[in-house]
């Protein structure tokens, strides 16, 4: 079968035909496909009409929809259905009398009749604990920046890095250059950098007149960055340019693993932290960011979505009078777990190391260091979770294109 004769799809993705359509059955409001492997897929006529790829439905130049279903003369139904010589599903829609063709690979990939949860993560979430021998997933990235931008879908570094980020929330790249500003070139291989009041790229090192505890030599407790924002950044990158100090070990914890442990050990405390809205505040000399949110955020199915844990960025709790003591009891139960060393990965930054982590899931911390024992210089920046997911989809798209 020649894929060149197949119709376009309402997107720019590649959809290899791995299974052919064996049979089509039609009712006015329903098309049922039987595939060669025995799967049966059902598609509503209204869904098929809206997701067609002809020029009455989408703009072929942008693949964005232009059809307004309410402008159709009546509810769309299927008057004819067959499998054409290219293996595509060919329909005639009433009352328009419009002929439409559907790519079988696209139909198979969008088979909502056999999809359990369309919101399932791109990569299965894998919670983890730490311990003395634990370390982040680590990739040798020396020479990666020498590659052409056209190779952004490379299988050796970017693809496994994205897998680790989406699954475990954490990856470490080693062997990168240590010139200031290198971080921007690396970040852009994932997506646009998010600027904040700390800048686009920010330097993490002890300095005079600091506007954050991060810019001192003191220890930092486990926390996420910028929970004071309505949408706190989804991704953080920290690139080590120099590190000759005594102390200052980095600490990483999987906030989802800690939250799940709390849910199992103290369900009441877990439930309280998903309900009470805490005040997060960053009131600096030139800015004043405040947001209220639960400390543990779950979706409508109870799955963990994010954590907002940062003791030094919590303002005074303002909530119902009767919730204050339960809220603090729940907070202290969580804080006790955060001190449990079994959750923590500890490591020392080497110059050229880059750690990338999900800032809405991972908690990072730092041991205190001797400020006059040497120099410790990290550069950091933020991106959004959307950029990781988008880049991962592009990597998968390129893989599928190579199958065609």
Protein backbone atom coordinates (compact mmCIF):
# COMPACT_ATOMS: atom_id res chain seq x y z
CA UNK A 1 0.00 0.00 0.00
CA UNK A 2 1.35 3.44 -0.92
CA UNK A 3 1.17 5.90 1.96
CA UNK A 4 1.50 8.74 -0.55
CA UNK A 5 -2.14 8.22 -1.54
CA UNK A 6 -3.43 8.48 2.01
CA UNK A 7 -5.22 11.71 3.03
CA UNK A 8 -3.64 14.38 5.19
CA UNK A 9 -4.53 14.49 8.86
CA UNK A 10 -5.80 17.46 10.94
CA UNK A 11 -2.34 17.87 12.46
CA UNK A 12 1.31 17.79 11.41
CA UNK A 13 2.12 14.49 13.07
CA UNK A 14 3.18 11.25 11.43
CA UNK A 15 0.87 8.26 11.81
CA UNK A 16 2.35 5.01 10.46
CA UNK A 17 -0.23 2.45 9.40
CA UNK A 18 0.69 -0.52 11.56
CA UNK A 19 -2.71 -2.24 11.31
CA UNK A 20 -5.11 -2.08 8.34
CA UNK A 21 -8.88 -1.67 8.51
CA UNK A 22 -10.52 -4.99 7.67
CA UNK A 23 -14.18 -3.96 7.73
CA UNK A 24 -16.45 -0.96 8.15
CA UNK A 25 -20.04 -0.98 9.40
CA UNK A 26 -22.18 2.11 9.38
CA UNK A 27 -25.24 3.54 11.08
CA UNK A 28 -26.33 7.16 10.56
CA UNK A 29 -24.68 8.36 13.79
CA UNK A 30 -21.94 5.75 14.13
CA UNK A 31 -19.11 4.18 12.16
CA UNK A 32 -17.65 0.91 13.45
CA UNK A 33 -14.25 -0.27 12.24
CA UNK A 34 -12.88 -3.79 12.63
CA UNK A 35 -9.10 -3.91 12.32
CA UNK A 36 -6.95 -6.76 11.03
CA UNK A 37 -5.83 -7.54 14.59
CA UNK A 38 -9.42 -7.86 15.81
CA UNK A 39 -9.80 -4.53 17.57
CA UNK A 40 -13.20 -2.89 17.17
CA UNK A 41 -13.35 0.91 17.18
CA UNK A 42 -16.47 3.06 17.17
CA UNK A 43 -16.60 6.69 16.04
CA UNK A 44 -19.58 9.04 16.32
CA UNK A 45 -20.60 10.81 13.14
CA UNK A 46 -20.40 14.22 14.86
CA UNK A 47 -16.83 13.47 15.98
CA UNK A 48 -15.79 12.39 12.49
CA UNK A 49 -17.28 15.50 10.90
CA UNK A 50 -15.46 17.85 13.27
CA UNK A 51 -12.14 16.03 12.90
CA UNK A 52 -12.04 15.81 9.12
CA UNK A 53 -9.00 17.19 7.32
CA UNK A 54 -10.63 18.74 4.24
CA UNK A 55 -10.52 22.46 3.54
CA UNK A 56 -14.07 23.02 4.81
CA UNK A 57 -12.97 21.79 8.25
CA UNK A 58 -9.38 22.98 8.67
CA UNK A 59 -7.11 25.56 7.13
CA UNK A 60 -4.65 23.30 5.24
CA UNK A 61 -1.85 25.82 5.79
CA UNK A 62 -2.14 25.82 9.58
CA UNK A 63 -4.10 22.60 10.31
CA UNK A 64 -6.29 24.67 12.63
CA UNK A 65 -10.06 24.13 12.60
CA UNK A 66 -12.27 26.60 10.74
CA UNK A 67 -15.51 24.62 10.97
CA UNK A 68 -18.25 25.84 13.30
CA UNK A 69 -20.52 22.84 13.84
CA UNK A 70 -23.49 25.03 14.67
CA UNK A 71 -23.48 26.41 11.11
CA UNK A 72 -24.22 22.99 9.58
CA UNK A 73 -27.77 22.63 8.25
CA UNK A 74 -28.46 19.64 10.51
CA UNK A 75 -26.76 17.11 12.75
CA UNK A 76 -24.12 15.39 10.57
CA UNK A 77 -24.76 11.73 9.80
CA UNK A 78 -23.03 9.15 7.60
CA UNK A 79 -24.86 8.11 4.46
CA UNK A 80 -22.05 6.00 2.91
CA UNK A 81 -18.87 4.38 4.25
CA UNK A 82 -16.17 2.24 2.66
CA UNK A 83 -12.46 1.48 2.71
CA UNK A 84 -10.88 2.96 -0.41
CA UNK A 85 -8.01 1.61 -2.48
CA UNK A 86 -5.43 3.40 -0.30
CA UNK A 87 -6.81 1.86 2.89
CA UNK A 88 -8.42 5.11 4.06
CA UNK A 89 -11.90 5.40 5.51
CA UNK A 90 -14.07 7.17 2.91
CA UNK A 91 -17.37 8.67 4.02
CA UNK A 92 -20.20 10.67 2.57
CA UNK A 93 -21.73 12.95 5.18
CA UNK A 94 -25.38 14.02 5.16
CA UNK A 95 -27.07 16.42 4.84
CA UNK A 96 -24.08 18.17 3.20
CA UNK A 97 -23.37 15.39 0.73
CA UNK A 98 -19.68 16.00 1.51
CA UNK A 99 -17.09 13.30 0.79
CA UNK A 100 -14.41 12.92 3.46
CA UNK A 101 -11.39 10.63 3.84
CA UNK A 102 -9.66 9.63 7.09
CA UNK A 103 -6.12 8.36 7.52
CA UNK A 104 -6.20 4.86 9.13
CA UNK A 105 -3.07 5.47 11.21
CA UNK A 106 -4.58 8.67 12.61
CA UNK A 107 -7.91 6.98 13.34
CA UNK A 108 -6.15 4.14 15.16
CA UNK A 109 -4.10 6.57 17.28
CA UNK A 110 -7.23 8.58 18.19
CA UNK A 111 -9.46 5.60 18.96
CA UNK A 112 -11.32 7.07 21.93
CA UNK A 113 -13.49 3.94 22.19
CA UNK A 114 -10.41 2.04 23.41
CA UNK A 115 -8.63 4.75 25.38
CA UNK A 116 -8.86 4.44 29.15
CA UNK A 117 -7.69 7.95 30.06
CA UNK A 118 -6.71 10.53 27.44
CA UNK A 119 -5.02 12.57 30.21
CA UNK A 120 -2.59 9.78 31.07
CA UNK A 121 1.00 11.05 31.30
CA UNK A 122 3.20 10.71 28.22
CA UNK A 123 5.64 8.67 30.32
CA UNK A 124 4.47 6.64 33.34
CA UNK A 125 5.22 8.45 36.62
CA UNK A 126 7.85 6.60 38.62
CA UNK A 127 8.23 7.80 42.19
CA UNK A 128 11.58 7.18 43.85
CA UNK A 129 13.39 7.31 47.15
CA UNK A 130 17.03 8.12 47.85
CA UNK A 131 19.64 6.67 50.16
CA UNK A 132 23.40 6.54 50.39
CA UNK A 133 23.96 4.97 46.95
CA UNK A 134 21.21 6.77 45.04
CA UNK A 135 22.00 9.19 42.21
CA UNK A 136 20.04 11.00 39.51
CA UNK A 137 19.72 9.46 36.06
CA UNK A 138 22.94 10.75 34.47
CA UNK A 139 23.92 11.23 30.81
CA UNK A 140 27.26 12.16 29.29
CA UNK A 141 26.48 15.32 27.32
CA UNK A 142 30.01 16.28 26.27
CA UNK A 143 29.91 17.51 22.68
CA UNK A 144 26.13 17.79 22.66
CA UNK A 145 26.17 21.52 21.97
CA UNK A 146 28.30 20.90 18.87
CA UNK A 147 25.33 19.17 17.23
CA UNK A 148 23.23 21.09 14.73
CA UNK A 149 19.83 22.36 15.94
CA UNK A 150 18.23 20.12 13.30
CA UNK A 151 19.20 17.13 15.44
CA UNK A 152 17.06 18.18 18.40
CA UNK A 153 15.30 14.84 18.27
CA UNK A 154 18.54 12.95 18.87
CA UNK A 155 18.19 9.57 20.54
CA UNK A 156 21.38 9.69 22.62
CA UNK A 157 20.85 12.66 24.96
CA UNK A 158 17.65 14.62 24.47
CA UNK A 159 15.28 11.65 24.16
CA UNK A 160 16.43 9.82 27.32
CA UNK A 161 16.71 13.12 29.20
CA UNK A 162 13.08 13.90 28.43
CA UNK A 163 12.04 10.38 29.45
CA UNK A 164 13.73 10.82 32.84
CA UNK A 165 12.20 14.27 33.32
CA UNK A 166 8.69 13.10 32.53
CA UNK A 167 8.94 9.85 34.47
CA UNK A 168 11.13 10.66 37.47
CA UNK A 169 11.13 14.46 37.37
CA UNK A 170 14.94 14.63 37.37
CA UNK A 171 17.96 14.15 35.10
CA UNK A 172 21.64 15.14 35.29
CA UNK A 173 23.80 15.96 32.27
CA UNK A 174 27.60 15.87 32.62
CA UNK A 175 30.53 17.15 30.62
CA UNK A 176 29.00 20.41 29.41
CA UNK A 177 31.01 23.62 28.88
CA UNK A 178 31.42 25.93 31.87
CA UNK A 179 31.25 29.29 30.10
CA UNK A 180 28.63 31.67 31.53
CA UNK A 181 25.51 31.71 29.38
CA UNK A 182 25.91 28.14 28.16
CA UNK A 183 22.73 27.33 30.03
CA UNK A 184 20.59 29.38 27.64
CA UNK A 185 21.68 27.31 24.64
CA UNK A 186 20.90 24.10 26.50
CA UNK A 187 17.53 25.28 27.77
CA UNK A 188 16.45 26.35 24.30
CA UNK A 189 16.90 22.79 23.10
CA UNK A 190 13.85 22.05 25.22
CA UNK A 191 11.87 25.27 24.85
CA UNK A 192 11.61 29.00 25.59
CA UNK A 193 13.04 30.20 28.90
CA UNK A 194 10.65 31.80 31.39
CA UNK A 195 11.82 35.11 32.78
CA UNK A 196 11.04 36.08 36.38
CA UNK A 197 11.94 38.90 38.73
CA UNK A 198 15.28 37.09 39.17
CA UNK A 199 15.99 37.50 35.44
CA UNK A 200 16.15 35.08 32.53
CA UNK A 201 19.38 33.46 33.67
CA UNK A 202 20.20 33.93 37.34
CA UNK A 203 23.45 33.36 39.22
CA UNK A 204 23.25 31.22 42.34
CA UNK A 205 26.17 32.24 44.51
CA UNK A 206 26.75 34.04 47.76
CA UNK A 207 26.63 37.80 47.32
CA UNK A 208 26.31 40.98 49.32
CA UNK A 209 22.81 42.30 49.95
CA UNK A 210 21.04 39.07 48.82
CA UNK A 211 17.35 39.12 47.85
CA UNK A 212 16.96 35.37 48.41
CA UNK A 213 18.37 32.80 50.84
CA UNK A 214 19.69 30.98 47.77
CA UNK A 215 22.24 33.79 47.33
CA UNK A 216 23.87 33.10 50.69
CA UNK A 217 26.02 30.30 52.10
CA UNK A 218 23.41 29.07 54.58
CA UNK A 219 21.66 25.71 54.30
CA UNK A 220 18.39 25.61 52.37
CA UNK A 221 15.59 23.24 53.44
CA UNK A 222 13.72 21.13 50.86
CA UNK A 223 11.59 23.41 48.73
CA UNK A 224 10.21 24.25 45.33
CA UNK A 225 10.99 27.58 43.71
CA UNK A 226 8.50 30.42 43.36
CA UNK A 227 5.39 28.85 44.91
CA UNK A 228 4.45 32.50 45.36
CA UNK A 229 3.32 32.59 41.71
CA UNK A 230 -0.08 31.61 40.34
CA UNK A 231 1.79 29.22 38.04
CA UNK A 232 5.08 28.46 39.67
CA UNK A 233 7.66 27.40 37.09
CA UNK A 234 7.31 23.83 35.93
CA UNK A 235 10.97 23.16 35.23
CA UNK A 236 14.24 24.36 36.71
CA UNK A 237 17.75 24.00 35.32
CA UNK A 238 20.89 24.48 37.43
CA UNK A 239 24.26 24.49 35.65
CA UNK A 240 27.49 24.33 37.64
CA UNK A 241 30.20 26.69 36.42
CA UNK A 242 32.49 26.50 39.44
CA UNK A 243 32.55 24.64 42.76
CA UNK A 244 35.57 24.63 45.07
CA UNK A 245 33.85 25.23 48.42
CA UNK A 246 33.75 22.94 51.42
CA UNK A 247 30.22 21.65 51.91
CA UNK A 248 27.28 22.81 49.87
CA UNK A 249 26.07 19.36 48.81
CA UNK A 250 22.92 19.36 46.72
CA UNK A 251 19.91 17.44 48.01
CA UNK A 252 16.94 16.25 45.90
CA UNK A 253 13.71 14.61 47.05
CA UNK A 254 10.77 13.30 45.07
CA UNK A 255 7.90 15.37 46.48
CA UNK A 256 5.41 12.88 45.04
CA UNK A 257 7.07 10.01 46.95
CA UNK A 258 6.93 12.03 50.16
CA UNK A 259 3.28 12.97 49.57
CA UNK A 260 2.34 9.35 48.85
CA UNK A 261 4.09 8.25 52.05
CA UNK A 262 2.07 10.85 53.96
CA UNK A 263 -1.14 9.66 52.29
CA UNK A 264 -0.40 6.10 53.43
CA UNK A 265 0.84 6.90 56.95
CA UNK A 266 -1.45 9.79 57.87
CA UNK A 267 -4.45 10.06 55.52
CA UNK A 268 -6.01 12.84 57.58
CA UNK A 269 -2.88 15.00 57.33
CA UNK A 270 -2.67 14.33 53.59
CA UNK A 271 -6.31 15.30 53.08
CA UNK A 272 -5.84 18.47 55.14
CA UNK A 273 -2.87 19.58 53.03
CA UNK A 274 -4.92 19.08 49.85
CA UNK A 275 -7.70 21.34 51.20
CA UNK A 276 -6.16 24.15 53.21
CA UNK A 277 -4.92 27.09 51.14
CA UNK A 278 -1.61 28.34 52.48
CA UNK A 279 -0.28 31.82 51.86
CA UNK A 280 2.96 31.90 49.85
CA UNK A 281 4.71 35.26 49.85
CA UNK A 282 7.91 36.72 48.44
CA UNK A 283 7.98 40.29 49.64
CA UNK A 284 11.29 41.71 48.49
CA UNK A 285 12.42 45.32 48.29
CA UNK A 286 11.24 45.75 44.70
CA UNK A 287 8.47 43.16 44.29
CA UNK A 288 5.60 41.61 46.25
CA UNK A 289 4.39 38.22 45.02
CA UNK A 290 1.62 36.43 46.92
CA UNK A 291 -0.48 33.35 46.06
CA UNK A 292 -2.73 31.00 48.02
CA UNK A 293 -2.76 27.29 47.26
CA UNK A 294 -2.96 23.86 48.90
CA UNK A 295 0.45 22.44 49.75
CA UNK A 296 -0.41 19.21 47.91
CA UNK A 297 -2.44 19.54 44.71
CA UNK A 298 -4.31 16.54 43.29
CA UNK A 299 -6.46 16.21 40.20
CA UNK A 300 -10.09 15.13 40.15
CA UNK A 301 -9.03 11.49 40.27
CA UNK A 302 -6.81 11.96 43.30
CA UNK A 303 -3.55 11.76 41.34
CA UNK A 304 -0.73 14.02 42.47
CA UNK A 305 -0.29 17.05 40.24
CA UNK A 306 2.05 19.34 42.16
CA UNK A 307 3.47 20.20 45.56
CA UNK A 308 4.08 23.68 46.97
CA UNK A 309 6.55 23.17 49.79
CA UNK A 310 8.83 26.02 50.79
CA UNK A 311 8.84 26.92 54.48
CA UNK A 312 10.82 30.12 53.99
CA UNK A 313 8.30 31.39 51.44
CA UNK A 314 5.15 30.80 53.44
CA UNK A 315 3.42 33.87 54.78
CA UNK A 316 1.02 33.92 57.75
CA UNK A 317 -1.69 31.28 57.38
CA UNK A 318 -5.08 32.86 56.74
CA UNK A 319 -7.85 30.28 56.76
CA UNK A 320 -10.94 29.20 58.69
CA UNK A 321 -10.36 29.51 62.44
CA UNK A 322 -11.12 25.83 63.08
CA UNK A 323 -8.63 24.69 60.41
CA UNK A 324 -5.55 26.41 61.82
CA UNK A 325 -4.49 23.73 64.31
CA UNK A 326 -5.28 20.77 61.98
CA UNK A 327 -3.33 22.54 59.23
CA UNK A 328 -0.25 22.92 61.42
CA UNK A 329 -0.50 19.33 62.65
CA UNK A 330 -0.56 18.18 59.02
CA UNK A 331 2.35 20.49 58.15
CA UNK A 332 4.49 19.07 60.95
CA UNK A 333 3.71 15.51 59.86
CA UNK A 334 4.96 16.42 56.39
CA UNK A 335 8.04 18.18 57.73
CA UNK A 336 8.95 15.06 59.72
CA UNK A 337 8.93 13.01 56.52
CA UNK A 338 11.03 15.59 54.71
CA UNK A 339 13.81 15.02 57.25
CA UNK A 340 13.80 11.26 56.65
CA UNK A 341 17.12 10.55 54.84
CA UNK A 342 15.62 7.64 52.91
CA UNK A 343 13.88 10.13 50.60
CA UNK A 344 16.98 12.17 49.72
CA UNK A 345 19.56 11.95 46.94
CA UNK A 346 22.74 13.83 47.89
CA UNK A 347 25.51 14.78 45.48
CA UNK A 348 28.18 17.37 44.85
CA UNK A 349 28.04 19.49 41.73
CA UNK A 350 30.99 19.13 39.38
CA UNK A 351 31.80 21.96 36.97
CA UNK A 352 29.97 21.14 33.75
CA UNK A 353 27.09 19.37 35.51
CA UNK A 354 23.55 20.40 34.64
CA UNK A 355 20.61 19.21 36.72
CA UNK A 356 17.12 19.57 35.25
CA UNK A 357 14.09 18.88 37.40
CA UNK A 358 10.33 19.27 37.64
CA UNK A 359 9.91 22.23 39.98
CA UNK A 360 6.28 21.31 40.73
CA UNK A 361 7.25 17.85 41.88
CA UNK A 362 10.89 17.73 43.00
CA UNK A 363 12.12 19.37 46.18
CA UNK A 364 15.68 20.64 46.19
CA UNK A 365 17.83 21.67 49.12
CA UNK A 366 21.45 22.56 49.90
CA UNK A 367 23.83 22.02 52.77
CA UNK A 368 25.57 25.09 54.15
CA UNK A 369 29.05 25.80 52.81
CA UNK A 370 32.09 27.75 53.90
CA UNK A 371 31.83 30.96 51.95
CA UNK A 372 35.55 31.74 52.15
CA UNK A 373 36.75 28.21 51.34
CA UNK A 374 36.39 28.65 47.57
CA UNK A 375 33.78 29.58 44.99
CA UNK A 376 30.40 27.99 44.23
CA UNK A 377 28.68 29.32 41.13
CA UNK A 378 25.58 27.87 39.53
CA UNK A 379 23.52 29.46 36.79
CA UNK A 380 19.83 28.74 36.73
CA UNK A 381 16.73 29.31 34.65
CA UNK A 382 13.11 28.20 34.43
CA UNK A 383 10.95 26.64 31.74
CA UNK A 384 7.44 25.25 31.79
CA UNK A 385 6.28 21.64 31.91
CA UNK A 386 4.53 22.25 28.59
CA UNK A 387 7.91 22.66 26.89
CA UNK A 388 9.08 19.22 28.03
CA UNK A 389 5.87 17.60 26.85
CA UNK A 390 5.97 19.44 23.52
CA UNK A 391 9.60 18.49 22.87
CA UNK A 392 8.88 14.87 23.84
CA UNK A 393 5.98 14.77 21.37
CA UNK A 394 8.26 16.17 18.67
CA UNK A 395 10.87 13.48 19.40
CA UNK A 396 8.17 10.83 19.10
CA UNK A 397 6.86 12.43 15.90
CA UNK A 398 10.32 12.23 14.30
CA UNK A 399 10.55 8.59 15.32
CA UNK A 400 7.24 7.87 13.64
CA UNK A 401 8.28 9.76 10.51
CA UNK A 402 11.32 7.49 10.22
CA UNK A 403 8.94 4.51 10.21
CA UNK A 404 7.13 5.75 7.11
